[in-house]
Structure formats: structure tokens, C-alpha cells
Full PDB file with SEQRES, HELIX, SHEET, SSBOND, CRYST1, ORIGX, SCALE, CONECT and MASTER records, all heavy atoms in Angstrom:
SEQRES   1 A   39  ASN THR VAL SER MET MET ALA PRO ASP THR PRO GLY TYR          
SEQRES   2 A   39  HIS PHE ASN THR ASP ILE ALA ASP ASP ALA ILE GLY TRP          
SEQRES   3 A   39  LEU HIS THR HIS GLN SER LEU ALA PRO GLY LYS PRO TYR          
HELIX    1 AA1 PHE A   15  LEU A   33  1                                  19    
CRYST1    1.000    1.000    1.000  90.00  90.00  90.00 P 1           1          
ORIGX1      1.000000  0.000000  0.000000        0.00000                         
ORIGX2      0.000000  1.000000  0.000000        0.00000                         
ORIGX3      0.000000  0.000000  1.000000        0.00000                         
SCALE1      1.000000  0.000000  0.000000        0.00000                         
SCALE2      0.000000  1.000000  0.000000        0.00000                         
SCALE3      0.000000  0.000000  1.000000        0.00000                         
ATOM      1  N   ASN A   1       0.841  -1.154  -0.012  1.00  0.00           N  
ATOM      2  CA  ASN A   1      -0.017   0.042   0.036  1.00  0.00           C  
ATOM      3  C   ASN A   1       0.932   1.208  -0.063  1.00  0.00           C  
ATOM      4  O   ASN A   1       1.542   1.526  -1.002  1.00  0.00           O  
ATOM      5  CB  ASN A   1      -1.096  -0.076   1.133  1.00  0.00           C  
ATOM      6  CG  ASN A   1      -1.883  -1.300   0.986  1.00  0.00           C  
ATOM      7  OD1 ASN A   1      -2.434  -1.546  -0.084  1.00  0.00           O  
ATOM      8  ND2 ASN A   1      -2.193  -1.975   2.075  1.00  0.00           N  
ATOM      9  N   THR A   2       1.046   1.897   1.086  1.00  0.00           N  
ATOM     10  CA  THR A   2       2.006   3.120   1.137  1.00  0.00           C  
ATOM     11  C   THR A   2       3.056   2.991   2.224  1.00  0.00           C  
ATOM     12  O   THR A   2       3.805   3.895   2.424  1.00  0.00           O  
ATOM     13  CB  THR A   2       1.105   4.366   1.495  1.00  0.00           C  
ATOM     14  OG1 THR A   2       0.608   4.243   2.809  1.00  0.00           O  
ATOM     15  CG2 THR A   2       0.012   4.615   0.452  1.00  0.00           C  
ATOM     16  N   VAL A   3       3.264   1.775   2.736  1.00  0.00           N  
ATOM     17  CA  VAL A   3       4.294   1.510   3.739  1.00  0.00           C  
ATOM     18  C   VAL A   3       5.468   0.937   3.079  1.00  0.00           C  
ATOM     19  O   VAL A   3       5.445  -0.116   2.582  1.00  0.00           O  
ATOM     20  CB  VAL A   3       3.688   0.562   4.868  1.00  0.00           C  
ATOM     21  CG1 VAL A   3       4.805   0.379   5.916  1.00  0.00           C  
ATOM     22  CG2 VAL A   3       2.446   1.274   5.535  1.00  0.00           C  
ATOM     23  N   SER A   4       6.661   1.592   3.264  1.00  0.00           N  
ATOM     24  CA  SER A   4       7.858   1.046   2.696  1.00  0.00           C  
ATOM     25  C   SER A   4       8.389  -0.109   3.533  1.00  0.00           C  
ATOM     26  O   SER A   4       8.214  -0.198   4.712  1.00  0.00           O  
ATOM     27  CB  SER A   4       8.943   2.186   2.567  1.00  0.00           C  
ATOM     28  OG  SER A   4       9.369   2.544   3.838  1.00  0.00           O  
ATOM     29  N   MET A   5       9.067  -1.014   2.797  1.00  0.00           N  
ATOM     30  CA  MET A   5       9.572  -2.230   3.502  1.00  0.00           C  
ATOM     31  C   MET A   5      10.674  -2.811   2.613  1.00  0.00           C  
ATOM     32  O   MET A   5      10.773  -2.596   1.442  1.00  0.00           O  
ATOM     33  CB  MET A   5       8.404  -3.304   3.655  1.00  0.00           C  
ATOM     34  CG  MET A   5       7.680  -3.634   2.433  1.00  0.00           C  
ATOM     35  SD  MET A   5       6.208  -4.649   2.648  1.00  0.00           S  
ATOM     36  CE  MET A   5       7.001  -6.159   3.148  1.00  0.00           C  
ATOM     37  N   MET A   6      11.469  -3.647   3.225  1.00  0.00           N  
ATOM     38  CA  MET A   6      12.419  -4.474   2.555  1.00  0.00           C  
ATOM     39  C   MET A   6      11.824  -5.802   2.153  1.00  0.00           C  
ATOM     40  O   MET A   6      10.872  -6.241   2.763  1.00  0.00           O  
ATOM     41  CB  MET A   6      13.689  -4.596   3.384  1.00  0.00           C  
ATOM     42  CG  MET A   6      14.444  -3.329   3.569  1.00  0.00           C  
ATOM     43  SD  MET A   6      15.936  -3.488   4.515  1.00  0.00           S  
ATOM     44  CE  MET A   6      15.293  -3.820   6.174  1.00  0.00           C  
ATOM     45  N   ALA A   7      12.467  -6.353   1.220  1.00  0.00           N  
ATOM     46  CA  ALA A   7      11.946  -7.729   0.745  1.00  0.00           C  
ATOM     47  C   ALA A   7      12.184  -8.655   1.813  1.00  0.00           C  
ATOM     48  O   ALA A   7      13.139  -8.567   2.627  1.00  0.00           O  
ATOM     49  CB  ALA A   7      12.654  -8.127  -0.533  1.00  0.00           C  
ATOM     50  N   PRO A   8      11.425  -9.800   1.907  1.00  0.00           N  
ATOM     51  CA  PRO A   8      11.741 -10.797   2.949  1.00  0.00           C  
ATOM     52  C   PRO A   8      13.176 -11.383   2.761  1.00  0.00           C  
ATOM     53  O   PRO A   8      13.653 -11.559   1.620  1.00  0.00           O  
ATOM     54  CB  PRO A   8      10.716 -11.934   2.508  1.00  0.00           C  
ATOM     55  CG  PRO A   8       9.586 -11.241   1.812  1.00  0.00           C  
ATOM     56  CD  PRO A   8      10.315 -10.050   1.062  1.00  0.00           C  
ATOM     57  N   ASP A   9      13.845 -11.493   3.792  1.00  0.00           N  
ATOM     58  CA  ASP A   9      15.244 -11.961   3.961  1.00  0.00           C  
ATOM     59  C   ASP A   9      15.238 -13.406   3.935  1.00  0.00           C  
ATOM     60  O   ASP A   9      15.593 -14.121   4.989  1.00  0.00           O  
ATOM     61  CB  ASP A   9      15.855 -11.320   5.161  1.00  0.00           C  
ATOM     62  CG  ASP A   9      17.469 -11.461   5.071  1.00  0.00           C  
ATOM     63  OD1 ASP A   9      17.999 -11.838   4.070  1.00  0.00           O  
ATOM     64  OD2 ASP A   9      18.048 -11.245   6.100  1.00  0.00           O  
ATOM     65  N   THR A  10      14.904 -14.024   2.885  1.00  0.00           N  
ATOM     66  CA  THR A  10      14.862 -15.485   2.747  1.00  0.00           C  
ATOM     67  C   THR A  10      15.722 -15.984   1.620  1.00  0.00           C  
ATOM     68  O   THR A  10      15.853 -15.274   0.554  1.00  0.00           O  
ATOM     69  CB  THR A  10      13.438 -16.008   2.577  1.00  0.00           C  
ATOM     70  OG1 THR A  10      12.883 -15.333   1.382  1.00  0.00           O  
ATOM     71  CG2 THR A  10      12.567 -15.675   3.696  1.00  0.00           C  
ATOM     72  N   PRO A  11      16.351 -17.130   1.804  1.00  0.00           N  
ATOM     73  CA  PRO A  11      17.194 -17.559   0.717  1.00  0.00           C  
ATOM     74  C   PRO A  11      16.424 -17.882  -0.555  1.00  0.00           C  
ATOM     75  O   PRO A  11      15.365 -18.371  -0.525  1.00  0.00           O  
ATOM     76  CB  PRO A  11      17.795 -19.036   1.301  1.00  0.00           C  
ATOM     77  CG  PRO A  11      17.621 -18.856   2.809  1.00  0.00           C  
ATOM     78  CD  PRO A  11      16.342 -17.980   2.973  1.00  0.00           C  
ATOM     79  N   GLY A  12      17.052 -17.482  -1.675  1.00  0.00           N  
ATOM     80  CA  GLY A  12      16.403 -17.720  -2.972  1.00  0.00           C  
ATOM     81  C   GLY A  12      15.322 -16.787  -3.285  1.00  0.00           C  
ATOM     82  O   GLY A  12      14.542 -16.952  -4.324  1.00  0.00           O  
ATOM     83  N   TYR A  13      15.095 -15.703  -2.544  1.00  0.00           N  
ATOM     84  CA  TYR A  13      14.043 -14.710  -2.771  1.00  0.00           C  
ATOM     85  C   TYR A  13      14.108 -14.167  -4.230  1.00  0.00           C  
ATOM     86  O   TYR A  13      15.219 -13.909  -4.612  1.00  0.00           O  
ATOM     87  CB  TYR A  13      14.038 -13.648  -1.759  1.00  0.00           C  
ATOM     88  CG  TYR A  13      13.088 -12.538  -2.151  1.00  0.00           C  
ATOM     89  CD1 TYR A  13      11.757 -12.543  -1.694  1.00  0.00           C  
ATOM     90  CD2 TYR A  13      13.448 -11.497  -3.048  1.00  0.00           C  
ATOM     91  CE1 TYR A  13      10.889 -11.531  -2.083  1.00  0.00           C  
ATOM     92  CE2 TYR A  13      12.553 -10.478  -3.384  1.00  0.00           C  
ATOM     93  CZ  TYR A  13      11.279 -10.481  -2.883  1.00  0.00           C  
ATOM     94  OH  TYR A  13      10.366  -9.592  -3.251  1.00  0.00           O  
ATOM     95  N   HIS A  14      12.995 -14.064  -4.888  1.00  0.00           N  
ATOM     96  CA  HIS A  14      12.931 -13.377  -6.149  1.00  0.00           C  
ATOM     97  C   HIS A  14      11.645 -12.658  -6.271  1.00  0.00           C  
ATOM     98  O   HIS A  14      10.619 -13.147  -5.863  1.00  0.00           O  
ATOM     99  CB  HIS A  14      13.038 -14.359  -7.386  1.00  0.00           C  
ATOM    100  CG  HIS A  14      13.350 -13.701  -8.650  1.00  0.00           C  
ATOM    101  ND1 HIS A  14      12.375 -13.120  -9.466  1.00  0.00           N  
ATOM    102  CD2 HIS A  14      14.462 -13.629  -9.363  1.00  0.00           C  
ATOM    103  CE1 HIS A  14      12.897 -12.686 -10.557  1.00  0.00           C  
ATOM    104  NE2 HIS A  14      14.274 -12.918 -10.581  1.00  0.00           N  
ATOM    105  N   PHE A  15      11.698 -11.326  -6.805  1.00  0.00           N  
ATOM    106  CA  PHE A  15      10.511 -10.493  -6.827  1.00  0.00           C  
ATOM    107  C   PHE A  15       9.418 -11.077  -7.591  1.00  0.00           C  
ATOM    108  O   PHE A  15       8.259 -10.942  -7.144  1.00  0.00           O  
ATOM    109  CB  PHE A  15      10.919  -9.115  -7.351  1.00  0.00           C  
ATOM    110  CG  PHE A  15       9.835  -8.154  -7.404  1.00  0.00           C  
ATOM    111  CD1 PHE A  15       9.215  -7.650  -6.282  1.00  0.00           C  
ATOM    112  CD2 PHE A  15       9.424  -7.628  -8.676  1.00  0.00           C  
ATOM    113  CE1 PHE A  15       8.137  -6.796  -6.336  1.00  0.00           C  
ATOM    114  CE2 PHE A  15       8.323  -6.716  -8.653  1.00  0.00           C  
ATOM    115  CZ  PHE A  15       7.772  -6.262  -7.508  1.00  0.00           C  
ATOM    116  N   ASN A  16       9.666 -11.681  -8.735  1.00  0.00           N  
ATOM    117  CA  ASN A  16       8.583 -12.311  -9.587  1.00  0.00           C  
ATOM    118  C   ASN A  16       7.773 -13.357  -8.756  1.00  0.00           C  
ATOM    119  O   ASN A  16       6.611 -13.347  -8.813  1.00  0.00           O  
ATOM    120  CB  ASN A  16       9.133 -12.965 -10.812  1.00  0.00           C  
ATOM    121  CG  ASN A  16       9.392 -11.988 -11.957  1.00  0.00           C  
ATOM    122  OD1 ASN A  16       8.825 -10.914 -11.968  1.00  0.00           O  
ATOM    123  ND2 ASN A  16      10.145 -12.317 -12.926  1.00  0.00           N  
ATOM    124  N   THR A  17       8.510 -14.137  -8.044  1.00  0.00           N  
ATOM    125  CA  THR A  17       7.786 -15.261  -7.192  1.00  0.00           C  
ATOM    126  C   THR A  17       7.065 -14.539  -6.043  1.00  0.00           C  
ATOM    127  O   THR A  17       5.849 -14.950  -5.815  1.00  0.00           O  
ATOM    128  CB  THR A  17       8.848 -16.190  -6.636  1.00  0.00           C  
ATOM    129  OG1 THR A  17       9.604 -16.675  -7.790  1.00  0.00           O  
ATOM    130  CG2 THR A  17       8.165 -17.314  -5.984  1.00  0.00           C  
ATOM    131  N   ASP A  18       7.669 -13.530  -5.502  1.00  0.00           N  
ATOM    132  CA  ASP A  18       7.087 -12.852  -4.318  1.00  0.00           C  
ATOM    133  C   ASP A  18       5.685 -12.204  -4.691  1.00  0.00           C  
ATOM    134  O   ASP A  18       4.695 -12.371  -4.038  1.00  0.00           O  
ATOM    135  CB  ASP A  18       8.021 -11.787  -3.794  1.00  0.00           C  
ATOM    136  CG  ASP A  18       7.501 -11.154  -2.550  1.00  0.00           C  
ATOM    137  OD1 ASP A  18       6.570 -11.730  -1.887  1.00  0.00           O  
ATOM    138  OD2 ASP A  18       7.998 -10.009  -2.241  1.00  0.00           O  
ATOM    139  N   ILE A  19       5.717 -11.487  -5.818  1.00  0.00           N  
ATOM    140  CA  ILE A  19       4.414 -10.840  -6.139  1.00  0.00           C  
ATOM    141  C   ILE A  19       3.382 -11.861  -6.615  1.00  0.00           C  
ATOM    142  O   ILE A  19       2.113 -11.609  -6.523  1.00  0.00           O  
ATOM    143  CB  ILE A  19       4.594  -9.703  -7.189  1.00  0.00           C  
ATOM    144  CG1 ILE A  19       5.302 -10.142  -8.512  1.00  0.00           C  
ATOM    145  CG2 ILE A  19       5.437  -8.510  -6.642  1.00  0.00           C  
ATOM    146  CD1 ILE A  19       5.341  -9.091  -9.603  1.00  0.00           C  
ATOM    147  N   ALA A  20       3.790 -12.908  -7.293  1.00  0.00           N  
ATOM    148  CA  ALA A  20       2.914 -13.963  -7.715  1.00  0.00           C  
ATOM    149  C   ALA A  20       2.248 -14.553  -6.422  1.00  0.00           C  
ATOM    150  O   ALA A  20       1.121 -14.784  -6.407  1.00  0.00           O  
ATOM    151  CB  ALA A  20       3.554 -14.967  -8.593  1.00  0.00           C  
ATOM    152  N   ASP A  21       3.073 -14.867  -5.391  1.00  0.00           N  
ATOM    153  CA  ASP A  21       2.597 -15.381  -4.106  1.00  0.00           C  
ATOM    154  C   ASP A  21       1.653 -14.393  -3.504  1.00  0.00           C  
ATOM    155  O   ASP A  21       0.580 -14.745  -2.952  1.00  0.00           O  
ATOM    156  CB  ASP A  21       3.745 -15.721  -3.171  1.00  0.00           C  
ATOM    157  CG  ASP A  21       4.631 -16.892  -3.652  1.00  0.00           C  
ATOM    158  OD1 ASP A  21       4.049 -17.700  -4.432  1.00  0.00           O  
ATOM    159  OD2 ASP A  21       5.698 -17.031  -3.026  1.00  0.00           O  
ATOM    160  N   ASP A  22       1.987 -13.165  -3.518  1.00  0.00           N  
ATOM    161  CA  ASP A  22       1.160 -12.132  -2.865  1.00  0.00           C  
ATOM    162  C   ASP A  22      -0.294 -12.020  -3.564  1.00  0.00           C  
ATOM    163  O   ASP A  22      -1.303 -11.856  -2.971  1.00  0.00           O  
ATOM    164  CB  ASP A  22       1.835 -10.772  -2.765  1.00  0.00           C  
ATOM    165  CG  ASP A  22       1.324  -9.973  -1.674  1.00  0.00           C  
ATOM    166  OD1 ASP A  22       1.741 -10.247  -0.492  1.00  0.00           O  
ATOM    167  OD2 ASP A  22       0.603  -8.980  -1.877  1.00  0.00           O  
ATOM    168  N   ALA A  23      -0.094 -12.048  -4.895  1.00  0.00           N  
ATOM    169  CA  ALA A  23      -1.370 -11.984  -5.650  1.00  0.00           C  
ATOM    170  C   ALA A  23      -2.240 -13.181  -5.486  1.00  0.00           C  
ATOM    171  O   ALA A  23      -3.515 -13.069  -5.351  1.00  0.00           O  
ATOM    172  CB  ALA A  23      -1.069 -11.818  -7.185  1.00  0.00           C  
ATOM    173  N   ILE A  24      -1.616 -14.280  -5.276  1.00  0.00           N  
ATOM    174  CA  ILE A  24      -2.402 -15.540  -5.045  1.00  0.00           C  
ATOM    175  C   ILE A  24      -3.101 -15.422  -3.697  1.00  0.00           C  
ATOM    176  O   ILE A  24      -4.250 -15.793  -3.496  1.00  0.00           O  
ATOM    177  CB  ILE A  24      -1.498 -16.791  -5.190  1.00  0.00           C  
ATOM    178  CG1 ILE A  24      -1.083 -17.055  -6.653  1.00  0.00           C  
ATOM    179  CG2 ILE A  24      -2.188 -18.045  -4.563  1.00  0.00           C  
ATOM    180  CD1 ILE A  24      -0.105 -18.051  -6.910  1.00  0.00           C  
ATOM    181  N   GLY A  25      -2.367 -14.910  -2.688  1.00  0.00           N  
ATOM    182  CA  GLY A  25      -2.909 -14.783  -1.373  1.00  0.00           C  
ATOM    183  C   GLY A  25      -4.064 -13.797  -1.412  1.00  0.00           C  
ATOM    184  O   GLY A  25      -5.073 -13.952  -0.702  1.00  0.00           O  
ATOM    185  N   TRP A  26      -3.906 -12.654  -2.174  1.00  0.00           N  
ATOM    186  CA  TRP A  26      -4.962 -11.717  -2.311  1.00  0.00           C  
ATOM    187  C   TRP A  26      -6.194 -12.362  -2.942  1.00  0.00           C  
ATOM    188  O   TRP A  26      -7.301 -12.216  -2.419  1.00  0.00           O  
ATOM    189  CB  TRP A  26      -4.530 -10.503  -3.008  1.00  0.00           C  
ATOM    190  CG  TRP A  26      -5.584  -9.456  -3.216  1.00  0.00           C  
ATOM    191  CD1 TRP A  26      -5.771  -8.376  -2.376  1.00  0.00           C  
ATOM    192  CD2 TRP A  26      -6.547  -9.193  -4.306  1.00  0.00           C  
ATOM    193  NE1 TRP A  26      -6.875  -7.591  -2.742  1.00  0.00           N  
ATOM    194  CE2 TRP A  26      -7.338  -8.183  -3.952  1.00  0.00           C  
ATOM    195  CE3 TRP A  26      -6.876  -9.961  -5.446  1.00  0.00           C  
ATOM    196  CZ2 TRP A  26      -8.297  -7.737  -4.739  1.00  0.00           C  
ATOM    197  CZ3 TRP A  26      -7.851  -9.585  -6.293  1.00  0.00           C  
ATOM    198  CH2 TRP A  26      -8.627  -8.434  -5.907  1.00  0.00           C  
ATOM    199  N   LEU A  27      -6.026 -13.122  -3.976  1.00  0.00           N  
ATOM    200  CA  LEU A  27      -7.030 -13.809  -4.630  1.00  0.00           C  
ATOM    201  C   LEU A  27      -7.794 -14.816  -3.654  1.00  0.00           C  
ATOM    202  O   LEU A  27      -9.075 -14.832  -3.589  1.00  0.00           O  
ATOM    203  CB  LEU A  27      -6.523 -14.588  -5.832  1.00  0.00           C  
ATOM    204  CG  LEU A  27      -6.236 -13.846  -7.180  1.00  0.00           C  
ATOM    205  CD1 LEU A  27      -5.428 -14.670  -8.044  1.00  0.00           C  
ATOM    206  CD2 LEU A  27      -7.582 -13.352  -7.749  1.00  0.00           C  
ATOM    207  N   HIS A  28      -7.004 -15.590  -2.968  1.00  0.00           N  
ATOM    208  CA  HIS A  28      -7.686 -16.531  -1.982  1.00  0.00           C  
ATOM    209  C   HIS A  28      -8.514 -15.787  -0.898  1.00  0.00           C  
ATOM    210  O   HIS A  28      -9.565 -16.272  -0.595  1.00  0.00           O  
ATOM    211  CB  HIS A  28      -6.575 -17.419  -1.354  1.00  0.00           C  
ATOM    212  CG  HIS A  28      -5.898 -18.381  -2.287  1.00  0.00           C  
ATOM    213  ND1 HIS A  28      -4.821 -19.094  -1.968  1.00  0.00           N  
ATOM    214  CD2 HIS A  28      -6.355 -18.853  -3.532  1.00  0.00           C  
ATOM    215  CE1 HIS A  28      -4.503 -19.931  -2.955  1.00  0.00           C  
ATOM    216  NE2 HIS A  28      -5.401 -19.745  -3.903  1.00  0.00           N  
ATOM    217  N   THR A  29      -7.923 -14.731  -0.412  1.00  0.00           N  
ATOM    218  CA  THR A  29      -8.687 -13.949   0.621  1.00  0.00           C  
ATOM    219  C   THR A  29      -9.991 -13.394  -0.068  1.00  0.00           C  
ATOM    220  O   THR A  29     -11.096 -13.446   0.579  1.00  0.00           O  
ATOM    221  CB  THR A  29      -7.893 -12.761   1.124  1.00  0.00           C  
ATOM    222  OG1 THR A  29      -6.655 -13.233   1.631  1.00  0.00           O  
ATOM    223  CG2 THR A  29      -8.685 -11.997   2.153  1.00  0.00           C  
ATOM    224  N   HIS A  30      -9.913 -12.861  -1.224  1.00  0.00           N  
ATOM    225  CA  HIS A  30     -11.016 -12.290  -1.911  1.00  0.00           C  
ATOM    226  C   HIS A  30     -12.127 -13.395  -2.180  1.00  0.00           C  
ATOM    227  O   HIS A  30     -13.287 -13.277  -1.950  1.00  0.00           O  
ATOM    228  CB  HIS A  30     -10.675 -11.659  -3.254  1.00  0.00           C  
ATOM    229  CG  HIS A  30     -11.813 -10.994  -4.009  1.00  0.00           C  
ATOM    230  ND1 HIS A  30     -12.604 -11.791  -4.864  1.00  0.00           N  
ATOM    231  CD2 HIS A  30     -12.278  -9.751  -4.028  1.00  0.00           C  
ATOM    232  CE1 HIS A  30     -13.424 -10.950  -5.336  1.00  0.00           C  
ATOM    233  NE2 HIS A  30     -13.384  -9.751  -4.877  1.00  0.00           N  
ATOM    234  N   GLN A  31     -11.670 -14.594  -2.595  1.00  0.00           N  
ATOM    235  CA  GLN A  31     -12.560 -15.697  -2.942  1.00  0.00           C  
ATOM    236  C   GLN A  31     -13.229 -16.231  -1.696  1.00  0.00           C  
ATOM    237  O   GLN A  31     -14.415 -16.588  -1.811  1.00  0.00           O  
ATOM    238  CB  GLN A  31     -11.767 -16.748  -3.629  1.00  0.00           C  
ATOM    239  CG  GLN A  31     -11.283 -16.446  -5.045  1.00  0.00           C  
ATOM    240  CD  GLN A  31     -10.172 -17.318  -5.590  1.00  0.00           C  
ATOM    241  OE1 GLN A  31      -9.666 -18.139  -4.841  1.00  0.00           O  
ATOM    242  NE2 GLN A  31      -9.757 -17.035  -6.895  1.00  0.00           N  
ATOM    243  N   SER A  32     -12.552 -16.124  -0.589  1.00  0.00           N  
ATOM    244  CA  SER A  32     -13.112 -16.643   0.689  1.00  0.00           C  
ATOM    245  C   SER A  32     -14.178 -15.670   1.155  1.00  0.00           C  
ATOM    246  O   SER A  32     -15.227 -16.111   1.707  1.00  0.00           O  
ATOM    247  CB  SER A  32     -11.970 -16.831   1.735  1.00  0.00           C  
ATOM    248  OG  SER A  32     -11.042 -17.821   1.307  1.00  0.00           O  
ATOM    249  N   LEU A  33     -13.913 -14.418   1.123  1.00  0.00           N  
ATOM    250  CA  LEU A  33     -14.795 -13.398   1.811  1.00  0.00           C  
ATOM    251  C   LEU A  33     -15.866 -12.840   0.827  1.00  0.00           C  
ATOM    252  O   LEU A  33     -16.948 -12.551   1.235  1.00  0.00           O  
ATOM    253  CB  LEU A  33     -14.001 -12.311   2.321  1.00  0.00           C  
ATOM    254  CG  LEU A  33     -12.983 -12.660   3.432  1.00  0.00           C  
ATOM    255  CD1 LEU A  33     -12.256 -11.476   3.882  1.00  0.00           C  
ATOM    256  CD2 LEU A  33     -13.844 -13.173   4.654  1.00  0.00           C  
ATOM    257  N   ALA A  34     -15.502 -12.699  -0.513  1.00  0.00           N  
ATOM    258  CA  ALA A  34     -16.475 -12.078  -1.484  1.00  0.00           C  
ATOM    259  C   ALA A  34     -16.553 -12.891  -2.701  1.00  0.00           C  
ATOM    260  O   ALA A  34     -16.128 -12.301  -3.775  1.00  0.00           O  
ATOM    261  CB  ALA A  34     -16.129 -10.684  -1.614  1.00  0.00           C  
ATOM    262  N   PRO A  35     -16.891 -14.175  -2.720  1.00  0.00           N  
ATOM    263  CA  PRO A  35     -16.656 -15.009  -3.896  1.00  0.00           C  
ATOM    264  C   PRO A  35     -17.595 -14.528  -5.076  1.00  0.00           C  
ATOM    265  O   PRO A  35     -17.321 -14.906  -6.255  1.00  0.00           O  
ATOM    266  CB  PRO A  35     -17.083 -16.412  -3.502  1.00  0.00           C  
ATOM    267  CG  PRO A  35     -17.972 -16.183  -2.206  1.00  0.00           C  
ATOM    268  CD  PRO A  35     -17.441 -14.943  -1.532  1.00  0.00           C  
ATOM    269  N   GLY A  36     -18.662 -13.749  -4.729  1.00  0.00           N  
ATOM    270  CA  GLY A  36     -19.611 -13.323  -5.749  1.00  0.00           C  
ATOM    271  C   GLY A  36     -19.261 -11.910  -6.411  1.00  0.00           C  
ATOM    272  O   GLY A  36     -19.970 -11.422  -7.278  1.00  0.00           O  
ATOM    273  N   LYS A  37     -18.242 -11.329  -5.883  1.00  0.00           N  
ATOM    274  CA  LYS A  37     -17.829  -9.988  -6.236  1.00  0.00           C  
ATOM    275  C   LYS A  37     -16.725 -10.131  -7.279  1.00  0.00           C  
ATOM    276  O   LYS A  37     -15.685 -10.680  -6.950  1.00  0.00           O  
ATOM    277  CB  LYS A  37     -17.472  -9.164  -5.046  1.00  0.00           C  
ATOM    278  CG  LYS A  37     -17.091  -7.704  -5.369  1.00  0.00           C  
ATOM    279  CD  LYS A  37     -16.704  -6.895  -4.031  1.00  0.00           C  
ATOM    280  CE  LYS A  37     -16.444  -5.487  -4.354  1.00  0.00           C  
ATOM    281  NZ  LYS A  37     -16.023  -4.734  -3.228  1.00  0.00           N  
ATOM    282  N   PRO A  38     -16.810  -9.422  -8.467  1.00  0.00           N  
ATOM    283  CA  PRO A  38     -15.749  -9.524  -9.379  1.00  0.00           C  
ATOM    284  C   PRO A  38     -14.600  -8.627  -8.967  1.00  0.00           C  
ATOM    285  O   PRO A  38     -14.704  -7.768  -8.148  1.00  0.00           O  
ATOM    286  CB  PRO A  38     -16.396  -8.918 -10.688  1.00  0.00           C  
ATOM    287  CG  PRO A  38     -17.450  -7.960 -10.201  1.00  0.00           C  
ATOM    288  CD  PRO A  38     -18.004  -8.577  -8.976  1.00  0.00           C  
ATOM    289  N   TYR A  39     -13.460  -8.892  -9.493  1.00  0.00           N  
ATOM    290  CA  TYR A  39     -12.219  -8.225  -9.233  1.00  0.00           C  
ATOM    291  C   TYR A  39     -11.415  -7.783 -10.464  1.00  0.00           C  
ATOM    292  O   TYR A  39     -11.673  -8.304 -11.501  1.00  0.00           O  
ATOM    293  CB  TYR A  39     -11.294  -9.084  -8.262  1.00  0.00           C  
ATOM    294  CG  TYR A  39     -10.868 -10.373  -8.857  1.00  0.00           C  
ATOM    295  CD1 TYR A  39      -9.866 -10.431  -9.799  1.00  0.00           C  
ATOM    296  CD2 TYR A  39     -11.474 -11.572  -8.449  1.00  0.00           C  
ATOM    297  CE1 TYR A  39      -9.477 -11.614 -10.409  1.00  0.00           C  
ATOM    298  CE2 TYR A  39     -11.075 -12.778  -8.984  1.00  0.00           C  
ATOM    299  CZ  TYR A  39     -10.082 -12.810  -9.971  1.00  0.00           C  
ATOM    300  OH  TYR A  39      -9.707 -14.020 -10.532  1.00  0.00           O  
TER     301      TYR A  39                                                      
MASTER        0    0    0    1    0    0    0    6  300    1    0    3          
END                                                                             
């Protein structure tokens, strides 16, 4: 959102994988709470 942060300090971290994981998490949350609402 608007909060600055460093990337997770984990071995093998890659930004492409990170944003895909985060998008998947966002999708799962949306699907759980508002499955009938388009995104």
C-alpha cells in the first residue's frame, strides 16, 4: 500500500515469485470473503 519495506530476507528470494505469491494470497482472501464480487 503506502508503507515502505524491505523484501523478505529468505534464501532464494525473487521479486517475480514474491508478487505472484502475494497476488495468489490476495485472490484466495477475496474468494473466501466475497466470492460473488468481481475483481
